[in-house]
Amino acid sequence: MKTIFYALAATTLLAATPLRAAAQDGIQLQEYQFDNPENTPRPVFPVPTARQLKWNETEFYAFFHYGMNTYTDAEWGDGSEANSRFNPTAPPNPKQWLTAAQAAGMKGGIAVVKHHDGFCLWPTKTTDHHVGNSGTKYGATTNIPRDFAKAAEELGMKYGFYVSPWDLNSPYWGKKDAQGNYTDEYAKKVFFEQCAELAEFGKDQFEMWFDGATGGDHKGYYGGANEYRTIDNASTYYDIPNLRDSIHNVCPDIILWGVGGEARWIGNEQGWAGETNWAMGSGEYGNESGWQWQPGESDAKATSKGWFWHSGETILSADALFKMYLETVGRNATLILNIPPDKSGSLPNATVSRMEELGKMLQKRLGTDLAPAATIEVSETRTKGRSVNYDASNLTDGKKDTYWATNDGTTAATITFRWEEAQTVRYVALMEYIRLGQRIKGFTIETSEDGENFTRRCGSIATTTVGYKRILPLNGSTASSYGAGFKAKALRITINDSKACPLLHTVSIF
């Protein structure tokens, strides 16, 4: 099979070209033919990189804010804290952290190993402000990145580290020379070296988390200067393009979040993304016309107080956390949920119990897929290639590299699932084959109790984008209880609009 493209060019440039149309006003229409034996759909740009795809597949993972602030009851230290303030009451236990996260259905975790106060949770060579100099019983032998990476490997989980670019302890941060220009001492002597040290704790890291803090309204110690400092361009100051390439050479699958430009902050810390959410652009909703693939990550707190542990805090209910899940993972974003360890270096019992409850809730509500037992009817199937097909059966085969598609030029279609006996249905999950770009712009979902007469579901939810994953509550609410669901002998998905022929690799019905 050949795909044909046409391009305009001056006749003088095409005189020796065998395939061309007749000249008109000095312009010829040139025909190019490319072999496409598999009839693969053309991509809709932009498209994700291989590492961005792997990152998206993590979906739901934990954030562990732990460090000097845990012991000073602060959220942002100023860098002047004595090393001895880091004083765990027991050996910190990253394996306990990750075990609880795994019980909740999470696939990995990010450990804070250096916050803005500059205190490092490993014995780094870049500063004296680290655990090895704490002089405390359990603090002096702490090495969070080492133990965290080991625990993740043992549990089969993904892992990464949060390392703050801003450093209120370092005398080099924000330093200027006699001419008033920023020096590169901090980037070279401190930040680059710290990132390189962290990369060596495991080449299979999936994310390195950078906050975008650039100074300003927080006075810092800065080696004794005790002053306000700021920088005007984080990407330039930290030499992010060079840092990104250097880290990728060591950890090929790592995503540099934040100032790294490979994934975006979803725009809030409340655990929700827009119902319409493109993997391009910025904020909660993205931008359909964005030129760069930059999927969203939603960072949210599972506890009632700050990001770090504080006495008297409580843990949110499992229902509240499930709502966050639906409004992030279920809206083409990832969810990084913060569960902070306390002064013992372990998660409180209440947190561990809540994570177990959340995991059971996710399994009960989204664990039994009814779609594979249904027969599937589609309005159109793309012409098969030499060795691949685009059949509807690909939607339920459990494989991420097979997908259903329509032919080029067809941007609307229907997919109908039918069962011999009525099923109770509550949620539908759709996943686009985003390797070739995000396409779907509008769809509807209907159910039929008798298999013939259909009723539209999902209430007033905006059924617009899909992206990596979209989970739709058929009752129209992410906040309401699980509910009785709807009896259905048939469920119909109608794709009303798409940027090009739609591609879906999985449909699940719960």
Protein backbone atom coordinates (compact mmCIF):
# COMPACT_ATOMS: atom_id res chain seq x y z
CA MET A 1 0.00 0.00 0.00
CA LYS A 2 1.26 3.47 -0.85
CA THR A 3 0.34 6.77 0.73
CA ILE A 4 0.34 9.71 -1.68
CA PHE A 5 1.24 13.27 -0.75
CA TYR A 6 1.32 16.31 -3.00
CA ALA A 7 3.53 19.40 -2.88
CA LEU A 8 3.94 22.54 -5.00
CA ALA A 9 7.32 23.39 -6.46
CA ALA A 10 8.85 25.50 -9.24
CA THR A 11 8.95 23.69 -12.60
CA THR A 12 12.64 24.35 -13.04
CA LEU A 13 13.36 22.37 -9.86
CA LEU A 14 11.24 19.43 -10.96
CA ALA A 15 12.43 18.99 -14.53
CA ALA A 16 14.22 15.74 -13.76
CA THR A 17 11.46 14.31 -11.56
CA PRO A 18 9.54 11.44 -13.20
CA LEU A 19 6.26 11.87 -11.29
CA ARG A 20 4.66 15.28 -11.80
CA ALA A 21 1.46 16.89 -12.95
CA ALA A 22 1.04 19.39 -15.79
CA ALA A 23 2.49 22.84 -15.29
CA GLN A 24 0.25 25.82 -14.67
CA ASP A 25 1.59 29.35 -14.36
CA GLY A 26 5.09 28.03 -13.77
CA ILE A 27 4.02 25.79 -10.86
CA GLN A 28 3.74 22.01 -10.90
CA LEU A 29 1.97 19.67 -8.51
CA GLN A 30 4.50 17.08 -7.43
CA GLU A 31 3.32 13.64 -6.34
CA TYR A 32 5.29 11.72 -3.70
CA GLN A 33 4.59 8.10 -2.88
CA PHE A 34 5.65 6.46 0.37
CA ASP A 35 5.32 2.81 1.25
CA ASN A 36 2.87 2.27 4.13
CA PRO A 37 2.24 -1.48 4.03
CA GLU A 38 0.61 -1.49 7.47
CA ASN A 39 -1.77 1.37 6.59
CA THR A 40 -0.65 3.11 9.78
CA PRO A 41 -2.58 6.34 10.45
CA ARG A 42 -0.57 9.50 10.06
CA PRO A 43 0.34 11.13 13.41
CA VAL A 44 -1.39 14.24 14.63
CA PHE A 45 1.41 16.38 15.99
CA PRO A 46 2.73 16.93 18.59
CA VAL A 47 3.31 13.39 19.82
CA PRO A 48 4.90 12.14 23.08
CA THR A 49 8.44 10.83 23.40
CA ALA A 50 9.01 7.26 24.54
CA ARG A 51 9.92 8.44 28.05
CA GLN A 52 6.79 10.60 28.25
CA LEU A 53 4.67 7.58 27.36
CA LYS A 54 6.29 5.50 30.10
CA TRP A 55 5.79 8.35 32.56
CA ASN A 56 2.09 8.62 31.70
CA GLU A 57 1.66 4.91 32.34
CA THR A 58 2.62 5.44 35.99
CA GLU A 59 -0.74 7.24 36.41
CA PHE A 60 -0.97 7.34 40.22
CA TYR A 61 1.98 7.67 42.58
CA ALA A 62 2.91 9.01 46.00
CA PHE A 63 4.69 12.14 47.19
CA PHE A 64 6.64 11.84 50.43
CA HIS A 65 7.51 15.20 51.96
CA TYR A 66 10.02 14.43 54.68
CA GLY A 67 13.06 16.31 55.93
CA MET A 68 14.19 19.14 58.18
CA ASN A 69 10.73 20.72 58.12
CA THR A 70 9.28 17.57 59.70
CA TYR A 71 11.22 18.44 62.87
CA THR A 72 10.91 22.24 62.84
CA ASP A 73 7.14 22.26 62.18
CA ALA A 74 7.71 24.43 59.11
CA GLU A 75 6.69 24.26 55.47
CA TRP A 76 9.58 26.35 54.16
CA GLY A 77 12.73 26.54 56.25
CA ASP A 78 15.18 29.41 55.71
CA GLY A 79 18.38 27.36 55.51
CA SER A 80 19.73 28.40 58.90
CA GLU A 81 18.56 25.26 60.71
CA ALA A 82 21.25 23.42 62.68
CA ASN A 83 21.94 19.97 61.26
CA SER A 84 21.18 18.50 64.66
CA ARG A 85 17.51 19.54 64.32
CA PHE A 86 17.09 16.53 62.04
CA ASN A 87 16.47 13.96 64.74
CA PRO A 88 14.30 10.95 63.80
CA THR A 89 12.90 9.03 66.74
CA ALA A 90 13.44 5.75 64.84
CA PRO A 91 15.26 4.69 61.67
CA PRO A 92 13.38 6.25 58.70
CA ASN A 93 11.56 3.52 56.80
CA PRO A 94 11.03 4.24 53.05
CA LYS A 95 9.91 0.67 52.44
CA GLN A 96 6.97 1.24 54.77
CA TRP A 97 6.10 4.39 52.79
CA LEU A 98 6.09 2.59 49.46
CA THR A 99 4.28 -0.47 50.78
CA ALA A 100 1.41 1.76 51.88
CA ALA A 101 1.39 3.51 48.52
CA GLN A 102 1.30 0.18 46.71
CA ALA A 103 -1.65 -0.92 48.83
CA ALA A 104 -3.50 2.19 47.64
CA GLY A 105 -3.04 1.17 44.00
CA MET A 106 -0.13 3.49 43.31
CA LYS A 107 2.61 2.43 40.92
CA GLY A 108 5.47 4.44 42.40
CA GLY A 109 6.59 7.36 44.51
CA ILE A 110 8.68 10.53 44.66
CA ALA A 111 10.71 11.17 47.83
CA VAL A 112 11.65 14.71 48.82
CA VAL A 113 15.38 14.52 49.46
CA LYS A 114 16.17 18.25 49.46
CA HIS A 115 13.68 21.05 50.05
CA HIS A 116 14.22 24.80 49.75
CA ASP A 117 16.12 24.90 53.06
CA GLY A 118 18.95 23.05 51.29
CA PHE A 119 19.16 20.22 53.82
CA CYS A 120 20.03 16.98 51.99
CA LEU A 121 18.74 13.59 53.10
CA TRP A 122 21.87 11.82 51.86
CA PRO A 123 25.56 12.39 52.69
CA THR A 124 26.30 14.65 49.72
CA LYS A 125 29.71 16.09 48.81
CA THR A 126 28.16 19.40 47.74
CA THR A 127 27.35 20.93 51.12
CA ASP A 128 27.82 20.41 54.87
CA HIS A 129 24.07 20.79 55.34
CA HIS A 130 23.13 17.11 55.25
CA VAL A 131 22.07 14.11 57.35
CA GLY A 132 25.60 12.81 57.85
CA ASN A 133 26.40 15.88 59.93
CA SER A 134 23.27 15.73 62.10
CA GLY A 135 25.07 13.97 64.96
CA THR A 136 21.79 12.37 66.04
CA LYS A 137 21.26 8.67 66.76
CA TYR A 138 19.23 7.80 63.68
CA GLY A 139 19.78 10.92 61.61
CA ALA A 140 23.49 10.41 61.03
CA THR A 141 22.97 7.06 59.31
CA THR A 142 19.98 8.15 57.22
CA ASN A 143 20.25 7.92 53.44
CA ILE A 144 16.78 8.34 51.99
CA PRO A 145 17.58 8.07 48.24
CA ARG A 146 19.59 4.88 48.80
CA ASP A 147 16.91 3.23 50.93
CA PHE A 148 14.03 4.54 48.81
CA ALA A 149 15.52 3.20 45.56
CA LYS A 150 16.23 -0.18 47.18
CA ALA A 151 12.69 -0.44 48.56
CA ALA A 152 11.16 0.46 45.18
CA GLU A 153 13.20 -2.23 43.48
CA GLU A 154 12.14 -4.84 46.03
CA LEU A 155 8.47 -3.89 45.63
CA GLY A 156 8.58 -3.57 41.84
CA MET A 157 7.59 0.11 41.94
CA LYS A 158 8.73 3.17 40.05
CA TYR A 159 10.63 5.83 41.96
CA GLY A 160 12.22 9.24 41.74
CA PHE A 161 13.36 12.20 43.81
CA TYR A 162 12.35 15.79 44.51
CA VAL A 163 15.42 18.02 44.69
CA SER A 164 14.82 21.73 45.12
CA PRO A 165 16.77 23.98 42.72
CA TRP A 166 16.29 26.85 45.18
CA ASP A 167 18.69 26.56 48.11
CA LEU A 168 18.31 29.04 50.98
CA ASN A 169 21.35 27.60 52.75
CA SER A 170 23.92 27.85 49.95
CA PRO A 171 26.11 30.99 49.72
CA TYR A 172 26.26 30.44 45.95
CA TRP A 173 22.53 30.59 45.23
CA GLY A 174 21.58 33.87 43.55
CA LYS A 175 25.12 35.19 43.95
CA LYS A 176 26.21 38.01 41.63
CA ASP A 177 29.64 39.16 40.51
CA ALA A 178 31.06 42.67 40.73
CA GLN A 179 29.27 43.62 37.51
CA GLY A 180 25.90 42.54 38.86
CA ASN A 181 25.68 39.37 36.78
CA TYR A 182 24.67 36.02 38.23
CA THR A 183 27.56 33.62 38.62
CA ASP A 184 27.36 29.98 37.58
CA GLU A 185 28.91 28.71 40.83
CA TYR A 186 25.67 27.34 42.27
CA ALA A 187 24.68 25.46 39.12
CA LYS A 188 28.12 23.94 38.66
CA LYS A 189 29.28 23.38 42.25
CA VAL A 190 25.99 22.46 43.90
CA PHE A 191 22.89 21.79 41.83
CA PHE A 192 24.39 19.86 38.91
CA GLU A 193 26.44 17.76 41.30
CA GLN A 194 23.45 17.00 43.53
CA CYS A 195 21.37 15.88 40.55
CA ALA A 196 24.25 13.74 39.33
CA GLU A 197 24.61 12.13 42.76
CA LEU A 198 20.89 11.35 42.84
CA ALA A 199 20.97 9.88 39.34
CA GLU A 200 23.54 7.37 40.54
CA PHE A 201 21.08 5.91 43.06
CA GLY A 202 19.33 4.19 40.15
CA LYS A 203 19.35 4.50 36.38
CA ASP A 204 15.69 3.39 36.15
CA GLN A 205 14.22 6.47 37.84
CA PHE A 206 11.01 7.71 36.24
CA GLU A 207 10.90 11.33 37.46
CA MET A 208 13.10 14.01 39.02
CA TRP A 209 10.91 16.69 40.54
CA PHE A 210 11.98 20.35 40.43
CA ASP A 211 9.99 23.11 42.06
CA GLY A 212 10.10 26.34 40.12
CA ALA A 213 10.82 28.57 43.12
CA THR A 214 13.00 31.54 42.17
CA GLY A 215 13.41 33.36 45.46
CA GLY A 216 11.77 36.66 46.32
CA ASP A 217 9.70 37.06 49.48
CA HIS A 218 11.56 34.56 51.69
CA LYS A 219 14.70 35.67 53.50
CA GLY A 220 17.40 33.04 53.32
CA TYR A 221 20.51 32.16 55.28
CA TYR A 222 22.66 31.97 52.13
CA GLY A 223 25.83 31.07 54.00
CA GLY A 224 25.30 33.76 56.60
CA ALA A 225 24.21 36.62 54.31
CA ASN A 226 20.69 36.52 55.78
CA GLU A 227 19.04 38.40 52.94
CA TYR A 228 16.44 38.27 50.20
CA ARG A 229 17.62 36.97 46.84
CA THR A 230 15.94 36.22 43.56
CA ILE A 231 16.80 35.01 40.07
CA ASP A 232 15.09 36.14 36.90
CA ASN A 233 15.17 33.04 34.66
CA ALA A 234 15.23 29.55 36.16
CA SER A 235 15.89 27.72 32.88
CA THR A 236 18.94 29.85 32.13
CA TYR A 237 20.22 30.09 35.70
CA TYR A 238 20.14 26.32 36.24
CA ASP A 239 21.16 25.61 32.62
CA ILE A 240 18.21 23.25 32.33
CA PRO A 241 18.74 22.10 28.70
CA ASN A 242 22.25 20.91 29.57
CA LEU A 243 21.08 19.38 32.85
CA ARG A 244 18.22 17.56 31.12
CA ASP A 245 20.53 16.03 28.51
CA SER A 246 23.08 15.05 31.14
CA ILE A 247 20.50 13.33 33.35
CA HIS A 248 18.94 11.56 30.37
CA ASN A 249 22.33 10.11 29.50
CA VAL A 250 22.37 8.38 32.89
CA CYS A 251 18.64 7.77 33.40
CA PRO A 252 17.10 7.41 29.94
CA ASP A 253 13.49 7.11 31.14
CA ILE A 254 13.51 9.97 33.62
CA ILE A 255 11.16 12.94 33.23
CA LEU A 256 12.40 16.25 34.59
CA TRP A 257 9.22 17.72 36.04
CA GLY A 258 8.69 21.44 36.47
CA VAL A 259 11.48 23.48 34.96
CA GLY A 260 12.49 20.45 32.87
CA GLY A 261 9.75 21.11 30.31
CA GLU A 262 8.69 17.47 29.88
CA ALA A 263 5.54 17.46 32.01
CA ARG A 264 3.49 20.36 33.29
CA TRP A 265 1.96 21.37 36.60
CA ILE A 266 -1.78 20.92 36.20
CA GLY A 267 -2.38 24.40 37.63
CA ASN A 268 -3.67 23.74 41.17
CA GLU A 269 -2.87 21.69 44.25
CA GLN A 270 -6.44 20.54 44.84
CA GLY A 271 -6.37 17.27 42.91
CA TRP A 272 -8.35 18.09 39.78
CA ALA A 273 -7.79 18.59 36.08
CA GLY A 274 -10.16 20.05 33.53
CA GLU A 275 -12.86 17.84 32.06
CA THR A 276 -11.47 19.06 28.76
CA ASN A 277 -7.74 18.46 29.03
CA TRP A 278 -5.24 18.46 26.19
CA ALA A 279 -1.73 17.06 26.67
CA MET A 280 -0.39 20.26 25.14
CA GLY A 281 -0.41 23.78 26.51
CA SER A 282 -0.60 24.68 30.21
CA GLY A 283 -2.83 24.60 33.27
CA GLU A 284 -5.88 22.50 34.00
CA TYR A 285 -7.18 22.39 30.44
CA GLY A 286 -4.15 22.48 28.14
CA ASN A 287 -4.46 23.84 24.63
CA GLU A 288 -5.64 21.98 21.55
CA SER A 289 -3.29 24.08 19.40
CA GLY A 290 -0.24 23.70 21.66
CA TRP A 291 2.94 22.87 19.77
CA GLN A 292 4.70 20.88 22.52
CA TRP A 293 3.62 17.60 24.15
CA GLN A 294 3.50 18.41 27.85
CA PRO A 295 1.07 16.20 29.81
CA GLY A 296 -0.25 17.36 33.17
CA GLU A 297 0.60 16.17 36.66
CA SER A 298 -1.67 17.03 39.57
CA ASP A 299 0.02 17.30 42.97
CA ALA A 300 -2.35 17.12 45.93
CA LYS A 301 -2.30 16.58 49.68
CA ALA A 302 -4.00 13.60 51.30
CA THR A 303 -3.76 15.25 54.71
CA SER A 304 -5.48 18.25 56.28
CA LYS A 305 -2.47 20.49 56.94
CA GLY A 306 0.74 21.15 54.99
CA TRP A 307 2.93 19.15 52.66
CA PHE A 308 5.15 18.13 55.57
CA TRP A 309 3.79 16.29 58.59
CA HIS A 310 2.33 18.46 61.38
CA SER A 311 0.96 17.40 64.73
CA GLY A 312 -2.81 17.06 64.79
CA GLU A 313 -3.29 16.59 61.05
CA THR A 314 -5.91 14.20 59.74
CA ILE A 315 -6.13 12.08 56.61
CA LEU A 316 -8.84 12.68 54.00
CA SER A 317 -11.57 10.08 53.54
CA ALA A 318 -11.25 7.35 50.95
CA ASP A 319 -14.21 8.85 49.08
CA ALA A 320 -12.47 12.23 48.88
CA LEU A 321 -9.30 10.59 47.57
CA PHE A 322 -11.28 8.51 45.06
CA LYS A 323 -12.85 11.74 43.79
CA MET A 324 -9.35 13.16 43.27
CA TYR A 325 -8.43 10.03 41.33
CA LEU A 326 -11.41 10.37 39.01
CA GLU A 327 -10.69 14.06 38.45
CA THR A 328 -7.00 13.59 37.63
CA VAL A 329 -6.13 10.12 36.36
CA GLY A 330 -9.67 10.04 34.94
CA ARG A 331 -9.11 13.32 33.11
CA ASN A 332 -5.89 12.76 31.17
CA ALA A 333 -3.50 13.71 33.99
CA THR A 334 -1.41 11.88 36.54
CA LEU A 335 -1.94 12.15 40.30
CA ILE A 336 0.95 12.50 42.74
CA LEU A 337 -0.65 12.24 46.16
CA ASN A 338 1.27 13.51 49.19
CA ILE A 339 1.34 11.31 52.31
CA PRO A 340 4.00 12.68 54.71
CA PRO A 341 6.00 10.56 57.19
CA ASP A 342 6.06 11.78 60.78
CA LYS A 343 8.98 12.33 63.17
CA SER A 344 9.61 8.59 63.45
CA GLY A 345 10.43 8.52 59.74
CA SER A 346 7.38 6.34 59.04
CA LEU A 347 3.83 7.00 57.90
CA PRO A 348 1.27 7.33 60.71
CA ASN A 349 -1.00 4.33 61.24
CA ALA A 350 -4.03 6.35 60.14
CA THR A 351 -2.39 7.04 56.79
CA VAL A 352 -1.48 3.38 56.28
CA SER A 353 -5.05 2.31 57.04
CA ARG A 354 -6.53 4.91 54.69
CA MET A 355 -4.27 3.81 51.86
CA GLU A 356 -5.44 0.23 52.28
CA GLU A 357 -9.05 1.42 52.24
CA LEU A 358 -8.46 3.47 49.08
CA GLY A 359 -6.85 0.52 47.33
CA LYS A 360 -9.81 -1.72 48.12
CA MET A 361 -12.20 0.98 46.90
CA LEU A 362 -10.36 1.35 43.59
CA GLN A 363 -10.39 -2.42 43.11
CA LYS A 364 -14.09 -2.69 43.92
CA ARG A 365 -15.17 0.18 41.71
CA LEU A 366 -12.69 -0.06 38.84
CA GLY A 367 -11.36 -3.59 39.11
CA THR A 368 -13.84 -5.75 37.18
CA ASP A 369 -14.00 -4.89 33.47
CA LEU A 370 -17.24 -5.94 31.77
CA ALA A 371 -16.11 -4.98 28.27
CA PRO A 372 -14.21 -8.19 27.36
CA ALA A 373 -17.39 -10.24 27.87
CA ALA A 374 -19.38 -8.10 25.42
CA THR A 375 -19.74 -8.37 21.68
CA ILE A 376 -18.59 -5.20 19.94
CA GLU A 377 -20.12 -3.48 16.93
CA VAL A 378 -18.41 -0.52 15.22
CA SER A 379 -19.62 1.72 12.43
CA GLU A 380 -16.30 1.47 10.60
CA THR A 381 -12.99 -0.37 10.83
CA ARG A 382 -9.83 0.82 9.18
CA THR A 383 -8.53 -1.26 6.29
CA LYS A 384 -6.00 -3.71 7.66
CA GLY A 385 -2.32 -3.57 6.87
CA ARG A 386 0.03 -6.29 5.76
CA SER A 387 0.44 -7.78 9.25
CA VAL A 388 -1.77 -5.69 11.55
CA ASN A 389 -5.47 -5.02 11.83
CA TYR A 390 -7.50 -2.24 13.43
CA ASP A 391 -10.43 -4.38 14.56
CA ALA A 392 -12.74 -3.61 17.47
CA SER A 393 -11.35 -6.65 19.29
CA ASN A 394 -8.21 -4.61 19.93
CA LEU A 395 -10.22 -2.51 22.40
CA THR A 396 -10.44 -5.35 24.91
CA ASP A 397 -7.34 -7.45 24.27
CA GLY A 398 -5.38 -5.88 27.15
CA LYS A 399 -2.55 -4.77 24.86
CA LYS A 400 -1.40 -1.16 24.73
CA ASP A 401 0.14 -1.44 21.27
CA THR A 402 -2.99 -2.55 19.40
CA TYR A 403 -5.89 -0.23 18.65
CA TRP A 404 -9.13 0.26 16.78
CA ALA A 405 -9.22 2.95 14.12
CA THR A 406 -11.35 4.30 11.29
CA ASN A 407 -10.17 5.11 7.79
CA ASP A 408 -8.55 8.42 6.92
CA GLY A 409 -11.17 11.13 6.54
CA THR A 410 -13.62 9.49 8.96
CA THR A 411 -13.73 11.55 12.15
CA ALA A 412 -17.04 10.31 13.59
CA ALA A 413 -17.94 6.75 14.54
CA THR A 414 -19.90 4.56 16.95
CA ILE A 415 -18.78 1.66 19.15
CA THR A 416 -21.50 -0.46 20.73
CA PHE A 417 -20.96 -3.09 23.43
CA ARG A 418 -23.70 -5.71 23.87
CA TRP A 419 -24.30 -8.39 26.51
CA GLU A 420 -26.80 -11.24 26.47
CA GLU A 421 -27.83 -10.42 30.03
CA ALA A 422 -28.18 -6.90 31.42
CA GLN A 423 -25.13 -5.69 33.35
CA THR A 424 -24.91 -3.06 36.09
CA VAL A 425 -22.60 -0.34 34.80
CA ARG A 426 -21.24 2.74 36.58
CA TYR A 427 -18.04 3.89 34.85
CA VAL A 428 -16.52 3.87 31.37
CA ALA A 429 -12.78 4.31 30.76
CA LEU A 430 -11.42 5.30 27.34
CA MET A 431 -7.77 5.34 26.28
CA GLU A 432 -6.50 6.87 23.05
CA TYR A 433 -3.49 5.55 21.20
CA ILE A 434 -1.56 8.71 21.98
CA ARG A 435 1.66 7.53 20.33
CA LEU A 436 0.12 9.08 17.23
CA GLY A 437 -1.20 12.17 19.01
CA GLN A 438 -4.31 13.24 20.90
CA ARG A 439 -7.29 13.40 18.55
CA ILE A 440 -10.79 13.06 20.00
CA LYS A 441 -12.62 16.37 20.53
CA GLY A 442 -16.15 15.24 21.36
CA PHE A 443 -18.06 12.06 22.25
CA THR A 444 -21.18 10.82 23.99
CA ILE A 445 -21.99 7.70 26.01
CA GLU A 446 -25.41 6.05 26.12
CA THR A 447 -26.84 2.93 27.75
CA SER A 448 -29.79 0.75 26.83
CA GLU A 449 -31.59 -1.56 29.22
CA ASP A 450 -33.38 -3.41 26.41
CA GLY A 451 -30.60 -3.23 23.83
CA GLU A 452 -32.64 -1.03 21.51
CA ASN A 453 -33.58 2.27 23.17
CA PHE A 454 -30.65 4.37 24.37
CA THR A 455 -30.37 7.07 27.05
CA ARG A 456 -27.50 9.51 27.22
CA ARG A 457 -25.39 9.30 30.39
CA CYS A 458 -22.67 11.30 32.19
CA GLY A 459 -24.99 14.20 33.06
CA SER A 460 -23.46 17.61 32.39
CA ILE A 461 -19.86 16.36 32.32
CA ALA A 462 -17.97 17.73 29.31
CA THR A 463 -17.42 14.69 27.12
CA THR A 464 -14.81 16.33 24.93
CA THR A 465 -11.21 15.10 25.23
CA VAL A 466 -9.92 11.62 26.03
CA GLY A 467 -6.11 11.55 25.79
CA TYR A 468 -4.11 8.95 27.70
CA LYS A 469 -7.09 8.01 29.89
CA ARG A 470 -10.60 9.31 30.55
CA ILE A 471 -12.84 7.77 33.21
CA LEU A 472 -16.51 8.80 33.04
CA PRO A 473 -18.97 8.29 35.92
CA LEU A 474 -22.21 7.43 34.14
CA ASN A 475 -24.29 9.10 36.85
CA GLY A 476 -22.60 12.42 35.96
CA SER A 477 -20.87 13.07 39.28
CA THR A 478 -17.39 12.40 40.65
CA ALA A 479 -18.54 13.49 44.09
CA SER A 480 -21.62 11.35 44.63
CA SER A 481 -21.61 7.92 46.21
CA TYR A 482 -20.98 4.76 44.22
CA GLY A 483 -24.71 4.46 43.58
CA ALA A 484 -26.88 1.72 42.15
CA GLY A 485 -25.57 2.11 38.61
CA PHE A 486 -27.56 1.49 35.44
CA LYS A 487 -28.83 -1.77 34.00
CA ALA A 488 -27.56 -2.15 30.45
CA LYS A 489 -27.74 -4.79 27.75
CA ALA A 490 -25.91 -2.34 25.50
CA LEU A 491 -23.60 0.63 25.88
CA ARG A 492 -22.84 2.93 22.95
CA ILE A 493 -19.95 5.35 22.56
CA THR A 494 -20.37 7.87 19.77
CA ILE A 495 -17.31 9.82 18.67
CA ASN A 496 -18.74 13.03 17.28
CA ASP A 497 -15.57 14.91 16.38
CA SER A 498 -11.87 14.16 16.08
CA LYS A 499 -8.84 16.01 14.72
CA ALA A 500 -8.20 13.03 12.44
CA CYS A 501 -9.36 9.42 12.30
CA PRO A 502 -9.91 8.40 15.96
CA LEU A 503 -7.66 5.78 17.55
CA LEU A 504 -8.64 3.97 20.76
CA HIS A 505 -6.52 1.20 22.23
CA THR A 506 -8.71 0.32 25.24
CA VAL A 507 -12.30 0.70 26.38
CA SER A 508 -13.20 -0.58 29.85
CA ILE A 509 -16.65 -0.72 31.43
CA PHE A 510 -17.15 -1.08 35.17
